[in-house]
Amino acid sequence: MRMTGRENPPSDVEVRAWIGEDAHLYWLRVTELIDRLYPGVFAAEWLYGGQKHGWSLRYKKSKPLCTLIPERGRFLVLVVFGAAERERVENLKDSLSRRTALEYDAATAYHDGKWVVMTVDGEAALQDLVKLWTVKRKPKSDRPIV
């Protein structure tokens, strides 16, 4: 179930209440990693996708890096890979966790790219997400993510 109240984008307090404490810790880790690895590059923008899709938080410069989707009790991260990026993901797929590799393989390829949706609820998923971001854009910072 998605956050669908149309009045205003959700606050951090509302997101935490919706996705839960555990998921919110990873939500914060993901947003902090974007800020640390790509300082000043991506702007966060709340998007409302209507009653069906609800609110999502997109990180974008000229092209999106990813979109965070709050759901009841968890959150998802959407990363879209174009044709050239998909080839690079295939080359690193052996270094991804089994779950992330399966999520990548199960993702639907559309005319504008392969839409990979993953749940970030542990360290392995977090590490995989950083690897996938690197396919889209090399980080400005080489500082370790831990």
N, C-alpha and C. Protein backbone atom coordinates (compact mmCIF):
# COMPACT_ATOMS: atom_id res chain seq x y z
N MET A 1 0.84 -1.17 0.00
CA MET A 1 0.00 0.00 0.00
C MET A 1 0.90 1.24 0.00
N ARG A 2 0.57 2.18 -0.86
CA ARG A 2 1.37 3.38 -1.04
C ARG A 2 0.78 4.58 -0.31
N MET A 3 1.62 5.61 -0.14
CA MET A 3 1.18 6.87 0.47
C MET A 3 0.47 7.67 -0.61
N THR A 4 -0.85 7.83 -0.48
CA THR A 4 -1.61 8.44 -1.57
C THR A 4 -2.29 9.75 -1.22
N GLY A 5 -2.14 10.25 -0.01
CA GLY A 5 -2.75 11.53 0.34
C GLY A 5 -2.18 12.63 -0.54
N ARG A 6 -3.00 13.31 -1.30
CA ARG A 6 -2.54 14.22 -2.33
C ARG A 6 -2.18 15.62 -1.83
N GLU A 7 -2.61 16.00 -0.64
CA GLU A 7 -2.49 17.38 -0.18
C GLU A 7 -1.07 17.92 -0.30
N ASN A 8 -0.11 17.27 0.33
CA ASN A 8 1.28 17.73 0.35
C ASN A 8 2.20 16.52 0.32
N PRO A 9 3.43 16.70 -0.13
CA PRO A 9 4.38 15.59 -0.04
C PRO A 9 4.55 15.20 1.44
N PRO A 10 4.80 13.92 1.70
CA PRO A 10 4.93 13.49 3.08
C PRO A 10 6.18 14.05 3.76
N SER A 11 6.06 14.30 5.05
CA SER A 11 7.20 14.73 5.84
C SER A 11 8.01 13.50 6.23
N ASP A 12 9.20 13.72 6.77
CA ASP A 12 10.02 12.60 7.23
C ASP A 12 9.31 11.84 8.35
N VAL A 13 8.60 12.54 9.21
CA VAL A 13 7.86 11.90 10.30
C VAL A 13 6.77 10.99 9.72
N GLU A 14 6.06 11.45 8.69
CA GLU A 14 5.02 10.65 8.07
C GLU A 14 5.61 9.43 7.35
N VAL A 15 6.74 9.62 6.67
CA VAL A 15 7.40 8.49 6.00
C VAL A 15 7.80 7.45 7.03
N ARG A 16 8.40 7.87 8.14
CA ARG A 16 8.84 6.93 9.18
C ARG A 16 7.65 6.15 9.75
N ALA A 17 6.54 6.85 10.00
CA ALA A 17 5.35 6.18 10.53
C ALA A 17 4.79 5.18 9.52
N TRP A 18 4.86 5.51 8.25
CA TRP A 18 4.29 4.67 7.19
C TRP A 18 5.13 3.42 6.93
N ILE A 19 6.46 3.60 6.79
CA ILE A 19 7.31 2.47 6.40
C ILE A 19 7.84 1.70 7.61
N GLY A 20 7.79 2.30 8.80
CA GLY A 20 8.25 1.62 10.00
C GLY A 20 9.69 2.01 10.35
N GLU A 21 10.03 1.80 11.62
CA GLU A 21 11.34 2.21 12.14
C GLU A 21 12.50 1.53 11.42
N ASP A 22 12.42 0.21 11.25
CA ASP A 22 13.53 -0.51 10.63
C ASP A 22 13.76 -0.05 9.19
N ALA A 23 12.69 0.03 8.42
CA ALA A 23 12.83 0.48 7.03
C ALA A 23 13.30 1.93 6.98
N HIS A 24 12.84 2.74 7.93
CA HIS A 24 13.23 4.14 7.93
C HIS A 24 14.73 4.31 8.15
N LEU A 25 15.33 3.45 8.95
CA LEU A 25 16.79 3.51 9.13
C LEU A 25 17.51 3.31 7.80
N TYR A 26 17.02 2.38 6.99
CA TYR A 26 17.64 2.17 5.66
C TYR A 26 17.28 3.30 4.70
N TRP A 27 16.09 3.86 4.82
CA TRP A 27 15.71 5.04 4.02
C TRP A 27 16.73 6.15 4.27
N LEU A 28 17.01 6.41 5.55
CA LEU A 28 17.98 7.45 5.90
C LEU A 28 19.37 7.10 5.39
N ARG A 29 19.76 5.84 5.49
CA ARG A 29 21.08 5.42 4.99
C ARG A 29 21.18 5.66 3.48
N VAL A 30 20.12 5.33 2.75
CA VAL A 30 20.13 5.53 1.29
C VAL A 30 20.25 7.01 0.96
N THR A 31 19.46 7.86 1.61
CA THR A 31 19.51 9.29 1.30
C THR A 31 20.86 9.89 1.70
N GLU A 32 21.42 9.44 2.83
CA GLU A 32 22.73 9.93 3.26
C GLU A 32 23.83 9.48 2.30
N LEU A 33 23.72 8.25 1.79
CA LEU A 33 24.71 7.75 0.83
C LEU A 33 24.68 8.57 -0.46
N ILE A 34 23.50 8.90 -0.92
CA ILE A 34 23.40 9.72 -2.14
C ILE A 34 24.10 11.06 -1.90
N ASP A 35 23.82 11.67 -0.77
CA ASP A 35 24.45 12.96 -0.45
C ASP A 35 25.96 12.84 -0.31
N ARG A 36 26.44 11.73 0.26
CA ARG A 36 27.87 11.57 0.48
C ARG A 36 28.62 11.17 -0.79
N LEU A 37 28.04 10.27 -1.58
CA LEU A 37 28.72 9.79 -2.79
C LEU A 37 28.59 10.77 -3.95
N TYR A 38 27.52 11.55 -3.95
CA TYR A 38 27.25 12.49 -5.05
C TYR A 38 26.94 13.88 -4.48
N PRO A 39 27.88 14.46 -3.73
CA PRO A 39 27.58 15.76 -3.09
C PRO A 39 27.23 16.85 -4.10
N GLY A 40 26.09 17.46 -3.89
CA GLY A 40 25.65 18.56 -4.75
C GLY A 40 25.23 18.17 -6.15
N VAL A 41 25.13 16.87 -6.44
CA VAL A 41 24.80 16.44 -7.81
C VAL A 41 23.29 16.27 -7.99
N PHE A 42 22.68 15.46 -7.14
CA PHE A 42 21.28 15.11 -7.35
C PHE A 42 20.36 15.89 -6.41
N ALA A 43 19.25 16.36 -6.96
CA ALA A 43 18.23 17.05 -6.17
C ALA A 43 17.11 16.05 -5.88
N ALA A 44 16.63 16.05 -4.65
CA ALA A 44 15.51 15.19 -4.28
C ALA A 44 14.21 15.93 -4.59
N GLU A 45 13.29 15.22 -5.22
CA GLU A 45 12.02 15.83 -5.63
C GLU A 45 10.88 14.83 -5.37
N TRP A 46 9.88 15.26 -4.58
CA TRP A 46 8.71 14.43 -4.36
C TRP A 46 7.82 14.48 -5.59
N LEU A 47 7.36 13.32 -6.03
CA LEU A 47 6.45 13.21 -7.17
C LEU A 47 5.18 12.51 -6.72
N TYR A 48 4.05 12.99 -7.22
CA TYR A 48 2.78 12.34 -6.90
C TYR A 48 2.30 11.60 -8.14
N GLY A 49 2.16 10.28 -8.02
CA GLY A 49 1.77 9.44 -9.16
C GLY A 49 0.31 9.06 -9.16
N GLY A 50 -0.53 9.81 -8.44
CA GLY A 50 -1.96 9.52 -8.41
C GLY A 50 -2.31 8.48 -7.36
N GLN A 51 -3.59 8.14 -7.29
CA GLN A 51 -4.08 7.19 -6.29
C GLN A 51 -3.41 5.83 -6.40
N LYS A 52 -3.10 5.38 -7.58
CA LYS A 52 -2.52 4.05 -7.76
C LYS A 52 -1.08 4.00 -7.28
N HIS A 53 -0.27 5.00 -7.60
CA HIS A 53 1.16 4.96 -7.33
C HIS A 53 1.59 5.79 -6.12
N GLY A 54 0.82 6.78 -5.74
CA GLY A 54 1.13 7.58 -4.57
C GLY A 54 2.41 8.40 -4.71
N TRP A 55 3.02 8.71 -3.57
CA TRP A 55 4.21 9.57 -3.52
C TRP A 55 5.49 8.76 -3.69
N SER A 56 6.47 9.38 -4.34
CA SER A 56 7.80 8.80 -4.45
C SER A 56 8.81 9.94 -4.42
N LEU A 57 10.03 9.63 -3.99
CA LEU A 57 11.08 10.63 -3.87
C LEU A 57 12.16 10.30 -4.91
N ARG A 58 12.25 11.18 -5.93
CA ARG A 58 13.19 10.94 -7.03
C ARG A 58 14.44 11.78 -6.85
N TYR A 59 15.58 11.15 -7.09
CA TYR A 59 16.88 11.84 -7.09
C TYR A 59 17.31 11.97 -8.54
N LYS A 60 17.45 13.24 -8.99
CA LYS A 60 17.67 13.49 -10.40
C LYS A 60 18.56 14.70 -10.60
N LYS A 61 19.39 14.65 -11.63
CA LYS A 61 20.07 15.84 -12.14
C LYS A 61 19.46 16.04 -13.52
N SER A 62 20.16 15.66 -14.58
CA SER A 62 19.51 15.67 -15.89
C SER A 62 18.80 14.33 -16.12
N LYS A 63 19.40 13.27 -15.58
CA LYS A 63 18.79 11.94 -15.61
C LYS A 63 18.63 11.47 -14.17
N PRO A 64 17.60 10.67 -13.91
CA PRO A 64 17.40 10.18 -12.54
C PRO A 64 18.47 9.16 -12.13
N LEU A 65 18.86 9.22 -10.86
CA LEU A 65 19.71 8.18 -10.28
C LEU A 65 18.82 7.04 -9.78
N CYS A 66 17.81 7.40 -9.00
CA CYS A 66 16.88 6.40 -8.46
C CYS A 66 15.66 7.11 -7.89
N THR A 67 14.66 6.31 -7.56
CA THR A 67 13.44 6.81 -6.94
C THR A 67 13.12 5.93 -5.74
N LEU A 68 12.87 6.57 -4.60
CA LEU A 68 12.49 5.86 -3.38
C LEU A 68 10.98 5.86 -3.27
N ILE A 69 10.40 4.69 -3.02
CA ILE A 69 8.96 4.53 -2.99
C ILE A 69 8.54 4.01 -1.62
N PRO A 70 7.94 4.87 -0.78
CA PRO A 70 7.50 4.39 0.54
C PRO A 70 6.24 3.55 0.42
N GLU A 71 6.28 2.36 1.02
CA GLU A 71 5.12 1.49 1.09
C GLU A 71 4.89 1.13 2.54
N ARG A 72 3.71 0.68 2.86
CA ARG A 72 3.38 0.31 4.24
C ARG A 72 4.34 -0.79 4.71
N GLY A 73 5.15 -0.47 5.73
CA GLY A 73 6.05 -1.45 6.32
C GLY A 73 7.38 -1.66 5.61
N ARG A 74 7.63 -0.95 4.52
CA ARG A 74 8.88 -1.09 3.78
C ARG A 74 9.01 0.05 2.78
N PHE A 75 10.16 0.09 2.09
CA PHE A 75 10.27 1.00 0.96
C PHE A 75 11.04 0.31 -0.15
N LEU A 76 10.77 0.75 -1.36
CA LEU A 76 11.40 0.20 -2.55
C LEU A 76 12.29 1.26 -3.18
N VAL A 77 13.28 0.81 -3.92
CA VAL A 77 14.11 1.72 -4.71
C VAL A 77 14.00 1.28 -6.15
N LEU A 78 13.65 2.23 -7.02
CA LEU A 78 13.56 1.99 -8.45
C LEU A 78 14.79 2.59 -9.12
N VAL A 79 15.47 1.77 -9.93
CA VAL A 79 16.60 2.24 -10.72
C VAL A 79 16.32 1.79 -12.15
N VAL A 80 16.39 2.74 -13.10
CA VAL A 80 16.13 2.43 -14.51
C VAL A 80 17.46 2.41 -15.26
N PHE A 81 17.70 1.33 -15.98
CA PHE A 81 18.94 1.17 -16.74
C PHE A 81 18.65 1.17 -18.23
N GLY A 82 19.34 2.07 -18.96
CA GLY A 82 19.26 2.09 -20.41
C GLY A 82 20.07 0.93 -20.99
N ALA A 83 20.09 0.82 -22.32
CA ALA A 83 20.73 -0.32 -22.99
C ALA A 83 22.21 -0.44 -22.62
N ALA A 84 22.97 0.64 -22.71
CA ALA A 84 24.40 0.58 -22.41
C ALA A 84 24.62 0.27 -20.93
N GLU A 85 23.79 0.81 -20.06
CA GLU A 85 23.90 0.54 -18.63
C GLU A 85 23.58 -0.92 -18.32
N ARG A 86 22.64 -1.49 -19.02
CA ARG A 86 22.27 -2.89 -18.79
C ARG A 86 23.44 -3.81 -19.08
N GLU A 87 24.21 -3.49 -20.09
CA GLU A 87 25.39 -4.29 -20.41
C GLU A 87 26.39 -4.23 -19.25
N ARG A 88 26.57 -3.05 -18.66
CA ARG A 88 27.49 -2.91 -17.54
C ARG A 88 26.97 -3.64 -16.29
N VAL A 89 25.65 -3.64 -16.09
CA VAL A 89 25.09 -4.38 -14.96
C VAL A 89 25.33 -5.88 -15.17
N GLU A 90 25.15 -6.36 -16.38
CA GLU A 90 25.40 -7.78 -16.66
C GLU A 90 26.83 -8.15 -16.30
N ASN A 91 27.78 -7.23 -16.54
CA ASN A 91 29.18 -7.51 -16.23
C ASN A 91 29.47 -7.56 -14.74
N LEU A 92 28.66 -6.93 -13.92
CA LEU A 92 28.90 -6.95 -12.47
C LEU A 92 27.90 -7.80 -11.72
N LYS A 93 26.99 -8.43 -12.43
CA LYS A 93 25.91 -9.18 -11.78
C LYS A 93 26.42 -10.28 -10.85
N ASP A 94 27.56 -10.88 -11.16
CA ASP A 94 28.10 -11.92 -10.30
C ASP A 94 28.53 -11.38 -8.94
N SER A 95 28.76 -10.07 -8.83
CA SER A 95 29.17 -9.49 -7.55
C SER A 95 27.97 -9.03 -6.71
N LEU A 96 26.75 -9.14 -7.27
CA LEU A 96 25.54 -8.76 -6.54
C LEU A 96 25.05 -9.92 -5.70
N SER A 97 24.30 -9.61 -4.65
CA SER A 97 23.69 -10.67 -3.85
C SER A 97 22.69 -11.44 -4.73
N ARG A 98 22.40 -12.66 -4.32
CA ARG A 98 21.48 -13.49 -5.09
C ARG A 98 20.12 -12.79 -5.23
N ARG A 99 19.62 -12.19 -4.15
CA ARG A 99 18.30 -11.54 -4.20
C ARG A 99 18.29 -10.38 -5.19
N THR A 100 19.32 -9.53 -5.15
CA THR A 100 19.36 -8.40 -6.08
C THR A 100 19.49 -8.88 -7.52
N ALA A 101 20.31 -9.91 -7.75
CA ALA A 101 20.45 -10.46 -9.10
C ALA A 101 19.11 -10.99 -9.60
N LEU A 102 18.36 -11.64 -8.72
CA LEU A 102 17.03 -12.14 -9.11
C LEU A 102 16.07 -10.99 -9.38
N GLU A 103 16.13 -9.94 -8.57
CA GLU A 103 15.27 -8.76 -8.79
C GLU A 103 15.62 -8.11 -10.14
N TYR A 104 16.90 -8.06 -10.45
CA TYR A 104 17.32 -7.49 -11.73
C TYR A 104 16.80 -8.36 -12.88
N ASP A 105 16.98 -9.67 -12.77
CA ASP A 105 16.53 -10.57 -13.84
C ASP A 105 15.02 -10.52 -14.03
N ALA A 106 14.28 -10.34 -12.94
CA ALA A 106 12.81 -10.32 -13.01
C ALA A 106 12.26 -8.99 -13.51
N ALA A 107 13.09 -7.95 -13.54
CA ALA A 107 12.61 -6.62 -13.93
C ALA A 107 12.17 -6.60 -15.38
N THR A 108 11.16 -5.80 -15.65
CA THR A 108 10.64 -5.66 -17.01
C THR A 108 11.44 -4.62 -17.77
N ALA A 109 11.77 -4.94 -19.01
CA ALA A 109 12.45 -3.99 -19.89
C ALA A 109 11.38 -3.29 -20.74
N TYR A 110 11.37 -1.97 -20.66
CA TYR A 110 10.46 -1.15 -21.44
C TYR A 110 11.26 -0.44 -22.53
N HIS A 111 10.60 0.37 -23.34
CA HIS A 111 11.29 1.08 -24.42
C HIS A 111 12.35 2.05 -23.88
N ASP A 112 12.15 2.54 -22.65
CA ASP A 112 13.09 3.53 -22.09
C ASP A 112 14.08 2.91 -21.11
N GLY A 113 14.06 1.59 -20.95
CA GLY A 113 15.05 0.95 -20.10
C GLY A 113 14.45 -0.16 -19.26
N LYS A 114 15.32 -0.80 -18.50
CA LYS A 114 14.92 -1.89 -17.60
C LYS A 114 14.66 -1.28 -16.23
N TRP A 115 13.45 -1.45 -15.72
CA TRP A 115 13.02 -0.85 -14.46
C TRP A 115 13.21 -1.86 -13.33
N VAL A 116 14.28 -1.68 -12.57
CA VAL A 116 14.61 -2.59 -11.48
C VAL A 116 14.08 -2.01 -10.17
N VAL A 117 13.25 -2.79 -9.50
CA VAL A 117 12.69 -2.38 -8.21
C VAL A 117 13.23 -3.33 -7.16
N MET A 118 13.87 -2.75 -6.14
CA MET A 118 14.44 -3.58 -5.09
C MET A 118 14.08 -3.06 -3.71
N THR A 119 13.99 -3.98 -2.77
CA THR A 119 13.76 -3.63 -1.37
C THR A 119 15.13 -3.48 -0.72
N VAL A 120 15.35 -2.37 -0.03
CA VAL A 120 16.60 -2.16 0.70
C VAL A 120 16.29 -2.34 2.19
N ASP A 121 16.62 -3.53 2.69
CA ASP A 121 16.31 -3.85 4.08
C ASP A 121 17.47 -4.53 4.79
N GLY A 122 18.65 -4.43 4.22
CA GLY A 122 19.83 -5.03 4.83
C GLY A 122 21.10 -4.51 4.19
N GLU A 123 22.22 -4.88 4.78
CA GLU A 123 23.51 -4.39 4.30
C GLU A 123 23.82 -4.88 2.89
N ALA A 124 23.48 -6.12 2.57
CA ALA A 124 23.76 -6.65 1.22
C ALA A 124 23.02 -5.83 0.16
N ALA A 125 21.76 -5.54 0.41
CA ALA A 125 20.99 -4.74 -0.55
C ALA A 125 21.55 -3.34 -0.67
N LEU A 126 22.01 -2.77 0.43
CA LEU A 126 22.61 -1.44 0.41
C LEU A 126 23.90 -1.43 -0.42
N GLN A 127 24.74 -2.43 -0.21
CA GLN A 127 25.98 -2.55 -0.99
C GLN A 127 25.66 -2.72 -2.48
N ASP A 128 24.66 -3.55 -2.78
CA ASP A 128 24.26 -3.77 -4.18
C ASP A 128 23.76 -2.48 -4.81
N LEU A 129 22.98 -1.72 -4.06
CA LEU A 129 22.44 -0.47 -4.58
C LEU A 129 23.57 0.48 -4.98
N VAL A 130 24.60 0.58 -4.16
CA VAL A 130 25.74 1.44 -4.49
C VAL A 130 26.41 0.95 -5.76
N LYS A 131 26.57 -0.35 -5.93
CA LYS A 131 27.16 -0.90 -7.16
C LYS A 131 26.31 -0.52 -8.38
N LEU A 132 24.99 -0.60 -8.21
CA LEU A 132 24.09 -0.26 -9.33
C LEU A 132 24.14 1.22 -9.65
N TRP A 133 24.22 2.06 -8.62
CA TRP A 133 24.35 3.50 -8.87
C TRP A 133 25.62 3.80 -9.65
N THR A 134 26.70 3.10 -9.33
CA THR A 134 27.98 3.34 -9.99
C THR A 134 27.88 3.07 -11.49
N VAL A 135 27.01 2.16 -11.88
CA VAL A 135 26.78 1.91 -13.31
C VAL A 135 26.17 3.15 -13.96
N LYS A 136 25.29 3.83 -13.23
CA LYS A 136 24.62 5.00 -13.78
C LYS A 136 25.51 6.25 -13.75
N ARG A 137 26.30 6.39 -12.66
CA ARG A 137 27.17 7.57 -12.53
C ARG A 137 28.26 7.28 -11.52
N LYS A 138 29.49 7.57 -11.90
CA LYS A 138 30.62 7.37 -10.99
C LYS A 138 30.48 8.33 -9.81
N PRO A 139 30.65 7.81 -8.59
CA PRO A 139 30.56 8.71 -7.42
C PRO A 139 31.63 9.78 -7.43
N LYS A 140 31.29 10.95 -6.88
CA LYS A 140 32.27 12.03 -6.72
C LYS A 140 33.21 11.70 -5.57
N SER A 141 32.68 11.02 -4.59
CA SER A 141 33.45 10.71 -3.39
C SER A 141 33.87 9.25 -3.41
N ASP A 142 35.12 8.98 -3.06
CA ASP A 142 35.60 7.61 -2.97
C ASP A 142 35.58 7.09 -1.55
N ARG A 143 34.96 7.85 -0.64
CA ARG A 143 34.89 7.43 0.75
C ARG A 143 34.08 6.14 0.85
N PRO A 144 34.52 5.21 1.70
CA PRO A 144 33.76 3.96 1.84
C PRO A 144 32.35 4.23 2.37
N ILE A 145 31.43 3.32 2.05
CA ILE A 145 30.03 3.55 2.41
C ILE A 145 29.70 3.11 3.83
N VAL A 146 30.55 2.37 4.46
CA VAL A 146 30.24 1.87 5.81
C VAL A 146 30.53 2.93 6.85
